[in-house]
Amino acid sequence: MKKRMHVYFEGMVQGVGFRFTAVEVARDFGIAGWVRNLDDGRVEVLAEGEEEHLESFLKNITGRFSRYIRGKEIEWTEAKGELNDFTVKF
C-alpha cells in the first residue's frame, strides 16, 4: 500500500552528504519525493512509495547517519500521488 512519509531529522545532519545520499537511497527503493535543508539546521524529507520501501529507506538513512542524527519526527499519511521523482530542494 502506498503511503506518504514526512520526516524532520535533527542533529548534525547538514554538511555531511545527507541530502545526496537520501536521493540515491530513495531512487534505489523507487521512492518519489524530495529532501531539503532547513534554516534551523534540520533536514526535511517528504516521500511517497510502498510502505515497506519507505520503512527500508528510513532504516537505511538512519543507519548511515546514526552518528549525526539526534532525533527525528515522522508523520505518516496516505499517498497523494503527486510526486514523480526524488530530488533535492534548494
PDB file of N, CA and C in Angstrom:
ATOM      1  N   MET A   1       0.845  -1.178   0.000  1.00  0.00           N
ATOM      2  CA  MET A   1       0.000   0.000   0.000  1.00  0.00           C
ATOM      3  C   MET A   1       0.896   1.250   0.000  1.00  0.00           C
ATOM      4  N   LYS A   2       0.567   2.186  -0.858  1.00  0.00           N
ATOM      5  CA  LYS A   2       1.361   3.411  -0.944  1.00  0.00           C
ATOM      6  C   LYS A   2       1.014   4.357   0.198  1.00  0.00           C
ATOM      7  N   LYS A   3       2.089   4.950   0.746  1.00  0.00           N
ATOM      8  CA  LYS A   3       1.951   5.874   1.853  1.00  0.00           C
ATOM      9  C   LYS A   3       2.799   7.117   1.590  1.00  0.00           C
ATOM     10  N   ARG A   4       2.589   8.120   2.413  1.00  0.00           N
ATOM     11  CA  ARG A   4       3.402   9.336   2.390  1.00  0.00           C
ATOM     12  C   ARG A   4       4.054   9.465   3.769  1.00  0.00           C
ATOM     13  N   MET A   5       5.338   9.783   3.747  1.00  0.00           N
ATOM     14  CA  MET A   5       6.110   9.936   4.973  1.00  0.00           C
ATOM     15  C   MET A   5       6.744  11.318   4.965  1.00  0.00           C
ATOM     16  N   HIS A   6       6.518  12.064   6.031  1.00  0.00           N
ATOM     17  CA  HIS A   6       7.093  13.404   6.186  1.00  0.00           C
ATOM     18  C   HIS A   6       7.984  13.338   7.421  1.00  0.00           C
ATOM     19  N   VAL A   7       9.289  13.570   7.227  1.00  0.00           N
ATOM     20  CA  VAL A   7      10.252  13.393   8.314  1.00  0.00           C
ATOM     21  C   VAL A   7      11.098  14.653   8.497  1.00  0.00           C
ATOM     22  N   TYR A   8      11.350  14.991   9.746  1.00  0.00           N
ATOM     23  CA  TYR A   8      12.305  16.039  10.110  1.00  0.00           C
ATOM     24  C   TYR A   8      13.422  15.362  10.900  1.00  0.00           C
ATOM     25  N   PHE A   9      14.635  15.443  10.376  1.00  0.00           N
ATOM     26  CA  PHE A   9      15.806  14.889  11.051  1.00  0.00           C
ATOM     27  C   PHE A   9      16.516  16.009  11.794  1.00  0.00           C
ATOM     28  N   GLU A  10      16.894  15.748  13.041  1.00  0.00           N
ATOM     29  CA  GLU A  10      17.597  16.730  13.865  1.00  0.00           C
ATOM     30  C   GLU A  10      18.994  16.222  14.200  1.00  0.00           C
ATOM     31  N   GLY A  11      19.901  17.140  14.441  1.00  0.00           N
ATOM     32  CA  GLY A  11      21.271  16.803  14.807  1.00  0.00           C
ATOM     33  C   GLY A  11      22.247  17.505  13.879  1.00  0.00           C
ATOM     34  N   MET A  12      23.395  16.908  13.696  1.00  0.00           N
ATOM     35  CA  MET A  12      24.413  17.439  12.778  1.00  0.00           C
ATOM     36  C   MET A  12      24.179  16.828  11.393  1.00  0.00           C
ATOM     37  N   VAL A  13      23.047  17.153  10.795  1.00  0.00           N
ATOM     38  CA  VAL A  13      22.628  16.488   9.563  1.00  0.00           C
ATOM     39  C   VAL A  13      22.851  17.325   8.301  1.00  0.00           C
ATOM     40  N   GLN A  14      23.389  18.517   8.460  1.00  0.00           N
ATOM     41  CA  GLN A  14      23.711  19.333   7.292  1.00  0.00           C
ATOM     42  C   GLN A  14      25.221  19.343   7.090  1.00  0.00           C
ATOM     43  N   GLY A  15      25.650  19.324   5.835  1.00  0.00           N
ATOM     44  CA  GLY A  15      27.067  19.365   5.512  1.00  0.00           C
ATOM     45  C   GLY A  15      27.762  18.019   5.606  1.00  0.00           C
ATOM     46  N   VAL A  16      26.988  16.933   5.640  1.00  0.00           N
ATOM     47  CA  VAL A  16      27.572  15.592   5.755  1.00  0.00           C
ATOM     48  C   VAL A  16      27.158  14.671   4.597  1.00  0.00           C
ATOM     49  N   GLY A  17      26.559  15.246   3.543  1.00  0.00           N
ATOM     50  CA  GLY A  17      26.131  14.453   2.390  1.00  0.00           C
ATOM     51  C   GLY A  17      24.768  13.805   2.556  1.00  0.00           C
ATOM     52  N   PHE A  18      24.026  14.247   3.542  1.00  0.00           N
ATOM     53  CA  PHE A  18      22.726  13.653   3.863  1.00  0.00           C
ATOM     54  C   PHE A  18      21.759  13.721   2.683  1.00  0.00           C
ATOM     55  N   ARG A  19      21.607  14.899   2.113  1.00  0.00           N
ATOM     56  CA  ARG A  19      20.608  15.073   1.040  1.00  0.00           C
ATOM     57  C   ARG A  19      20.930  14.233  -0.182  1.00  0.00           C
ATOM     58  N   PHE A  20      22.176  14.218  -0.586  1.00  0.00           N
ATOM     59  CA  PHE A  20      22.532  13.500  -1.803  1.00  0.00           C
ATOM     60  C   PHE A  20      22.491  11.993  -1.586  1.00  0.00           C
ATOM     61  N   THR A  21      22.792  11.545  -0.378  1.00  0.00           N
ATOM     62  CA  THR A  21      22.634  10.129  -0.044  1.00  0.00           C
ATOM     63  C   THR A  21      21.156   9.758  -0.034  1.00  0.00           C
ATOM     64  N   ALA A  22      20.329  10.645   0.507  1.00  0.00           N
ATOM     65  CA  ALA A  22      18.880  10.391   0.534  1.00  0.00           C
ATOM     66  C   ALA A  22      18.332  10.207  -0.878  1.00  0.00           C
ATOM     67  N   VAL A  23      18.797  11.023  -1.814  1.00  0.00           N
ATOM     68  CA  VAL A  23      18.356  10.892  -3.211  1.00  0.00           C
ATOM     69  C   VAL A  23      18.747   9.524  -3.758  1.00  0.00           C
ATOM     70  N   GLU A  24      19.978   9.128  -3.540  1.00  0.00           N
ATOM     71  CA  GLU A  24      20.476   7.844  -4.045  1.00  0.00           C
ATOM     72  C   GLU A  24      19.681   6.671  -3.457  1.00  0.00           C
ATOM     73  N   VAL A  25      19.480   6.697  -2.159  1.00  0.00           N
ATOM     74  CA  VAL A  25      18.759   5.614  -1.487  1.00  0.00           C
ATOM     75  C   VAL A  25      17.291   5.596  -1.920  1.00  0.00           C
ATOM     76  N   ALA A  26      16.663   6.754  -2.009  1.00  0.00           N
ATOM     77  CA  ALA A  26      15.259   6.823  -2.427  1.00  0.00           C
ATOM     78  C   ALA A  26      15.075   6.258  -3.832  1.00  0.00           C
ATOM     79  N   ARG A  27      15.974   6.589  -4.727  1.00  0.00           N
ATOM     80  CA  ARG A  27      15.871   6.079  -6.093  1.00  0.00           C
ATOM     81  C   ARG A  27      16.079   4.568  -6.130  1.00  0.00           C
ATOM     82  N   ASP A  28      16.961   4.043  -5.267  1.00  0.00           N
ATOM     83  CA  ASP A  28      17.159   2.589  -5.181  1.00  0.00           C
ATOM     84  C   ASP A  28      15.882   1.875  -4.767  1.00  0.00           C
ATOM     85  N   PHE A  29      15.070   2.510  -3.914  1.00  0.00           N
ATOM     86  CA  PHE A  29      13.834   1.907  -3.432  1.00  0.00           C
ATOM     87  C   PHE A  29      12.605   2.323  -4.245  1.00  0.00           C
ATOM     88  N   GLY A  30      12.794   3.125  -5.297  1.00  0.00           N
ATOM     89  CA  GLY A  30      11.663   3.550  -6.126  1.00  0.00           C
ATOM     90  C   GLY A  30      10.732   4.516  -5.414  1.00  0.00           C
ATOM     91  N   ILE A  31      11.296   5.357  -4.583  1.00  0.00           N
ATOM     92  CA  ILE A  31      10.517   6.318  -3.802  1.00  0.00           C
ATOM     93  C   ILE A  31      10.545   7.686  -4.484  1.00  0.00           C
ATOM     94  N   ALA A  32       9.422   8.361  -4.457  1.00  0.00           N
ATOM     95  CA  ALA A  32       9.326   9.717  -5.016  1.00  0.00           C
ATOM     96  C   ALA A  32       9.259  10.716  -3.871  1.00  0.00           C
ATOM     97  N   GLY A  33       9.745  11.943  -4.138  1.00  0.00           N
ATOM     98  CA  GLY A  33       9.659  12.983  -3.123  1.00  0.00           C
ATOM     99  C   GLY A  33      10.805  13.952  -3.201  1.00  0.00           C
ATOM    100  N   TRP A  34      11.170  14.515  -2.057  1.00  0.00           N
ATOM    101  CA  TRP A  34      12.263  15.491  -2.018  1.00  0.00           C
ATOM    102  C   TRP A  34      12.878  15.562  -0.630  1.00  0.00           C
ATOM    103  N   VAL A  35      14.056  16.167  -0.581  1.00  0.00           N
ATOM    104  CA  VAL A  35      14.781  16.401   0.654  1.00  0.00           C
ATOM    105  C   VAL A  35      15.332  17.822   0.609  1.00  0.00           C
ATOM    106  N   ARG A  36      15.363  18.504   1.766  1.00  0.00           N
ATOM    107  CA  ARG A  36      15.921  19.856   1.798  1.00  0.00           C
ATOM    108  C   ARG A  36      16.442  20.197   3.192  1.00  0.00           C
ATOM    109  N   ASN A  37      17.426  21.081   3.209  1.00  0.00           N
ATOM    110  CA  ASN A  37      17.930  21.642   4.459  1.00  0.00           C
ATOM    111  C   ASN A  37      16.991  22.742   4.914  1.00  0.00           C
ATOM    112  N   LEU A  38      16.820  22.859   6.219  1.00  0.00           N
ATOM    113  CA  LEU A  38      16.031  23.933   6.798  1.00  0.00           C
ATOM    114  C   LEU A  38      16.959  24.921   7.499  1.00  0.00           C
ATOM    115  N   ASP A  39      16.521  26.151   7.616  1.00  0.00           N
ATOM    116  CA  ASP A  39      17.328  27.200   8.234  1.00  0.00           C
ATOM    117  C   ASP A  39      17.681  26.913   9.692  1.00  0.00           C
ATOM    118  N   ASP A  40      16.888  26.091  10.362  1.00  0.00           N
ATOM    119  CA  ASP A  40      17.138  25.796  11.779  1.00  0.00           C
ATOM    120  C   ASP A  40      18.111  24.633  11.991  1.00  0.00           C
ATOM    121  N   GLY A  41      18.702  24.115  10.893  1.00  0.00           N
ATOM    122  CA  GLY A  41      19.694  23.049  10.996  1.00  0.00           C
ATOM    123  C   GLY A  41      19.146  21.650  10.783  1.00  0.00           C
ATOM    124  N   ARG A  42      17.834  21.521  10.686  1.00  0.00           N
ATOM    125  CA  ARG A  42      17.239  20.208  10.431  1.00  0.00           C
ATOM    126  C   ARG A  42      17.242  19.911   8.939  1.00  0.00           C
ATOM    127  N   VAL A  43      16.948  18.640   8.600  1.00  0.00           N
ATOM    128  CA  VAL A  43      16.723  18.236   7.221  1.00  0.00           C
ATOM    129  C   VAL A  43      15.306  17.683   7.142  1.00  0.00           C
ATOM    130  N   GLU A  44      14.568  18.114   6.127  1.00  0.00           N
ATOM    131  CA  GLU A  44      13.183  17.702   5.918  1.00  0.00           C
ATOM    132  C   GLU A  44      13.107  16.770   4.718  1.00  0.00           C
ATOM    133  N   VAL A  45      12.339  15.682   4.863  1.00  0.00           N
ATOM    134  CA  VAL A  45      12.119  14.724   3.776  1.00  0.00           C
ATOM    135  C   VAL A  45      10.624  14.518   3.619  1.00  0.00           C
ATOM    136  N   LEU A  46      10.154  14.590   2.380  1.00  0.00           N
ATOM    137  CA  LEU A  46       8.786  14.218   2.039  1.00  0.00           C
ATOM    138  C   LEU A  46       8.899  13.121   0.998  1.00  0.00           C
ATOM    139  N   ALA A  47       8.324  11.959   1.278  1.00  0.00           N
ATOM    140  CA  ALA A  47       8.499  10.818   0.383  1.00  0.00           C
ATOM    141  C   ALA A  47       7.215  10.015   0.266  1.00  0.00           C
ATOM    142  N   GLU A  48       7.010   9.455  -0.927  1.00  0.00           N
ATOM    143  CA  GLU A  48       5.873   8.570  -1.177  1.00  0.00           C
ATOM    144  C   GLU A  48       6.357   7.291  -1.844  1.00  0.00           C
ATOM    145  N   GLY A  49       5.711   6.214  -1.488  1.00  0.00           N
ATOM    146  CA  GLY A  49       6.028   4.930  -2.091  1.00  0.00           C
ATOM    147  C   GLY A  49       5.341   3.820  -1.313  1.00  0.00           C
ATOM    148  N   GLU A  50       5.705   2.585  -1.635  1.00  0.00           N
ATOM    149  CA  GLU A  50       5.173   1.457  -0.884  1.00  0.00           C
ATOM    150  C   GLU A  50       5.649   1.580   0.555  1.00  0.00           C
ATOM    151  N   GLU A  51       4.773   1.302   1.495  1.00  0.00           N
ATOM    152  CA  GLU A  51       5.106   1.478   2.909  1.00  0.00           C
ATOM    153  C   GLU A  51       6.376   0.730   3.297  1.00  0.00           C
ATOM    154  N   GLU A  52       6.525  -0.496   2.820  1.00  0.00           N
ATOM    155  CA  GLU A  52       7.725  -1.276   3.164  1.00  0.00           C
ATOM    156  C   GLU A  52       8.993  -0.646   2.591  1.00  0.00           C
ATOM    157  N   HIS A  53       8.895  -0.012   1.415  1.00  0.00           N
ATOM    158  CA  HIS A  53      10.044   0.671   0.825  1.00  0.00           C
ATOM    159  C   HIS A  53      10.395   1.933   1.613  1.00  0.00           C
ATOM    160  N   LEU A  54       9.371   2.645   2.065  1.00  0.00           N
ATOM    161  CA  LEU A  54       9.611   3.837   2.880  1.00  0.00           C
ATOM    162  C   LEU A  54      10.282   3.462   4.199  1.00  0.00           C
ATOM    163  N   GLU A  55       9.825   2.371   4.805  1.00  0.00           N
ATOM    164  CA  GLU A  55      10.436   1.923   6.056  1.00  0.00           C
ATOM    165  C   GLU A  55      11.888   1.503   5.838  1.00  0.00           C
ATOM    166  N   SER A  56      12.169   0.844   4.715  1.00  0.00           N
ATOM    167  CA  SER A  56      13.542   0.448   4.390  1.00  0.00           C
ATOM    168  C   SER A  56      14.408   1.671   4.122  1.00  0.00           C
ATOM    169  N   PHE A  57      13.862   2.652   3.430  1.00  0.00           N
ATOM    170  CA  PHE A  57      14.564   3.912   3.174  1.00  0.00           C
ATOM    171  C   PHE A  57      14.934   4.575   4.496  1.00  0.00           C
ATOM    172  N   LEU A  58      13.969   4.686   5.394  1.00  0.00           N
ATOM    173  CA  LEU A  58      14.181   5.328   6.685  1.00  0.00           C
ATOM    174  C   LEU A  58      15.242   4.584   7.496  1.00  0.00           C
ATOM    175  N   LYS A  59      15.166   3.268   7.513  1.00  0.00           N
ATOM    176  CA  LYS A  59      16.147   2.453   8.240  1.00  0.00           C
ATOM    177  C   LYS A  59      17.543   2.635   7.645  1.00  0.00           C
ATOM    178  N   ASN A  60      17.630   2.661   6.325  1.00  0.00           N
ATOM    179  CA  ASN A  60      18.915   2.818   5.643  1.00  0.00           C
ATOM    180  C   ASN A  60      19.542   4.169   5.952  1.00  0.00           C
ATOM    181  N   ILE A  61      18.767   5.228   5.809  1.00  0.00           N
ATOM    182  CA  ILE A  61      19.265   6.582   6.071  1.00  0.00           C
ATOM    183  C   ILE A  61      19.653   6.736   7.543  1.00  0.00           C
ATOM    184  N   THR A  62      18.793   6.257   8.432  1.00  0.00           N
ATOM    185  CA  THR A  62      19.079   6.356   9.863  1.00  0.00           C
ATOM    186  C   THR A  62      20.348   5.593  10.215  1.00  0.00           C
ATOM    187  N   GLY A  63      20.550   4.430   9.617  1.00  0.00           N
ATOM    188  CA  GLY A  63      21.754   3.652   9.868  1.00  0.00           C
ATOM    189  C   GLY A  63      23.013   4.329   9.358  1.00  0.00           C
ATOM    190  N   ARG A  64      22.954   4.872   8.154  1.00  0.00           N
ATOM    191  CA  ARG A  64      24.125   5.533   7.565  1.00  0.00           C
ATOM    192  C   ARG A  64      24.536   6.791   8.321  1.00  0.00           C
ATOM    193  N   PHE A  65      23.560   7.489   8.879  1.00  0.00           N
ATOM    194  CA  PHE A  65      23.833   8.770   9.538  1.00  0.00           C
ATOM    195  C   PHE A  65      23.548   8.725  11.039  1.00  0.00           C
ATOM    196  N   SER A  66      23.606   7.539  11.619  1.00  0.00           N
ATOM    197  CA  SER A  66      23.257   7.384  13.035  1.00  0.00           C
ATOM    198  C   SER A  66      24.127   8.241  13.953  1.00  0.00           C
ATOM    199  N   ARG A  67      25.378   8.469  13.571  1.00  0.00           N
ATOM    200  CA  ARG A  67      26.246   9.282  14.437  1.00  0.00           C
ATOM    201  C   ARG A  67      25.909  10.769  14.360  1.00  0.00           C
ATOM    202  N   TYR A  68      25.124  11.174  13.353  1.00  0.00           N
ATOM    203  CA  TYR A  68      24.759  12.583  13.184  1.00  0.00           C
ATOM    204  C   TYR A  68      23.333  12.892  13.617  1.00  0.00           C
ATOM    205  N   ILE A  69      22.439  11.923  13.486  1.00  0.00           N
ATOM    206  CA  ILE A  69      21.022  12.130  13.805  1.00  0.00           C
ATOM    207  C   ILE A  69      20.822  12.061  15.311  1.00  0.00           C
ATOM    208  N   ARG A  70      20.222  13.097  15.860  1.00  0.00           N
ATOM    209  CA  ARG A  70      19.928  13.144  17.293  1.00  0.00           C
ATOM    210  C   ARG A  70      18.441  12.963  17.575  1.00  0.00           C
ATOM    211  N   GLY A  71      17.646  13.029  16.538  1.00  0.00           N
ATOM    212  CA  GLY A  71      16.217  12.839  16.697  1.00  0.00           C
ATOM    213  C   GLY A  71      15.525  12.934  15.357  1.00  0.00           C
ATOM    214  N   LYS A  72      14.312  12.411  15.289  1.00  0.00           N
ATOM    215  CA  LYS A  72      13.514  12.540  14.071  1.00  0.00           C
ATOM    216  C   LYS A  72      12.037  12.542  14.439  1.00  0.00           C
ATOM    217  N   GLU A  73      11.312  13.304  13.666  1.00  0.00           N
ATOM    218  CA  GLU A  73       9.862  13.423  13.826  1.00  0.00           C
ATOM    219  C   GLU A  73       9.249  12.911  12.531  1.00  0.00           C
ATOM    220  N   ILE A  74       8.363  11.918  12.641  1.00  0.00           N
ATOM    221  CA  ILE A  74       7.800  11.277  11.446  1.00  0.00           C
ATOM    222  C   ILE A  74       6.282  11.369  11.483  1.00  0.00           C
ATOM    223  N   GLU A  75       5.724  11.731  10.333  1.00  0.00           N
ATOM    224  CA  GLU A  75       4.265  11.738  10.167  1.00  0.00           C
ATOM    225  C   GLU A  75       3.922  10.870   8.961  1.00  0.00           C
ATOM    226  N   TRP A  76       3.037   9.920   9.156  1.00  0.00           N
ATOM    227  CA  TRP A  76       2.578   9.032   8.080  1.00  0.00           C
ATOM    228  C   TRP A  76       1.165   9.419   7.662  1.00  0.00           C
ATOM    229  N   THR A  77       0.939   9.524   6.355  1.00  0.00           N
ATOM    230  CA  THR A  77      -0.393   9.784   5.812  1.00  0.00           C
ATOM    231  C   THR A  77      -0.566   8.956   4.537  1.00  0.00           C
ATOM    232  N   GLU A  78      -1.730   9.051   3.958  1.00  0.00           N
ATOM    233  CA  GLU A  78      -1.985   8.372   2.685  1.00  0.00           C
ATOM    234  C   GLU A  78      -1.245   9.091   1.559  1.00  0.00           C
ATOM    235  N   ALA A  79      -0.764   8.344   0.592  1.00  0.00           N
ATOM    236  CA  ALA A  79      -0.080   8.930  -0.566  1.00  0.00           C
ATOM    237  C   ALA A  79      -1.063   9.770  -1.375  1.00  0.00           C
ATOM    238  N   LYS A  80      -0.557  10.852  -1.945  1.00  0.00           N
ATOM    239  CA  LYS A  80      -1.379  11.718  -2.785  1.00  0.00           C
ATOM    240  C   LYS A  80      -1.104  11.496  -4.263  1.00  0.00           C
ATOM    241  N   GLY A  81       0.008  10.835  -4.592  1.00  0.00           N
ATOM    242  CA  GLY A  81       0.325  10.529  -5.981  1.00  0.00           C
ATOM    243  C   GLY A  81       0.789  11.708  -6.801  1.00  0.00           C
ATOM    244  N   GLU A  82       1.234  12.783  -6.158  1.00  0.00           N
ATOM    245  CA  GLU A  82       1.630  13.978  -6.893  1.00  0.00           C
ATOM    246  C   GLU A  82       3.145  14.097  -7.090  1.00  0.00           C
ATOM    247  N   LEU A  83       3.906  13.137  -6.571  1.00  0.00           N
ATOM    248  CA  LEU A  83       5.371  13.170  -6.671  1.00  0.00           C
ATOM    249  C   LEU A  83       5.837  12.147  -7.695  1.00  0.00           C
ATOM    250  N   ASN A  84       6.828  12.528  -8.530  1.00  0.00           N
ATOM    251  CA  ASN A  84       7.256  11.626  -9.598  1.00  0.00           C
ATOM    252  C   ASN A  84       8.672  11.103  -9.450  1.00  0.00           C
ATOM    253  N   ASP A  85       9.567  11.902  -8.893  1.00  0.00           N
ATOM    254  CA  ASP A  85      10.974  11.543  -8.765  1.00  0.00           C
ATOM    255  C   ASP A  85      11.420  11.950  -7.368  1.00  0.00           C
ATOM    256  N   PHE A  86      12.663  11.679  -7.016  1.00  0.00           N
ATOM    257  CA  PHE A  86      13.167  12.127  -5.724  1.00  0.00           C
ATOM    258  C   PHE A  86      14.312  13.104  -5.986  1.00  0.00           C
ATOM    259  N   THR A  87      14.178  14.318  -5.450  1.00  0.00           N
ATOM    260  CA  THR A  87      15.138  15.379  -5.753  1.00  0.00           C
ATOM    261  C   THR A  87      15.553  16.135  -4.490  1.00  0.00           C
ATOM    262  N   VAL A  88      16.573  16.961  -4.645  1.00  0.00           N
ATOM    263  CA  VAL A  88      16.975  17.887  -3.594  1.00  0.00           C
ATOM    264  C   VAL A  88      16.285  19.217  -3.896  1.00  0.00           C
ATOM    265  N   LYS A  89      15.611  19.755  -2.882  1.00  0.00           N
ATOM    266  CA  LYS A  89      15.013  21.086  -2.999  1.00  0.00           C
ATOM    267  C   LYS A  89      15.972  22.094  -2.382  1.00  0.00           C
ATOM    268  N   PHE A  90      16.143  23.210  -3.057  1.00  0.00           N
ATOM    269  CA  PHE A  90      17.014  24.269  -2.538  1.00  0.00           C
ATOM    270  C   PHE A  90      16.198  25.484  -2.183  1.00  0.00           C
TER     271      PHE A  90
END
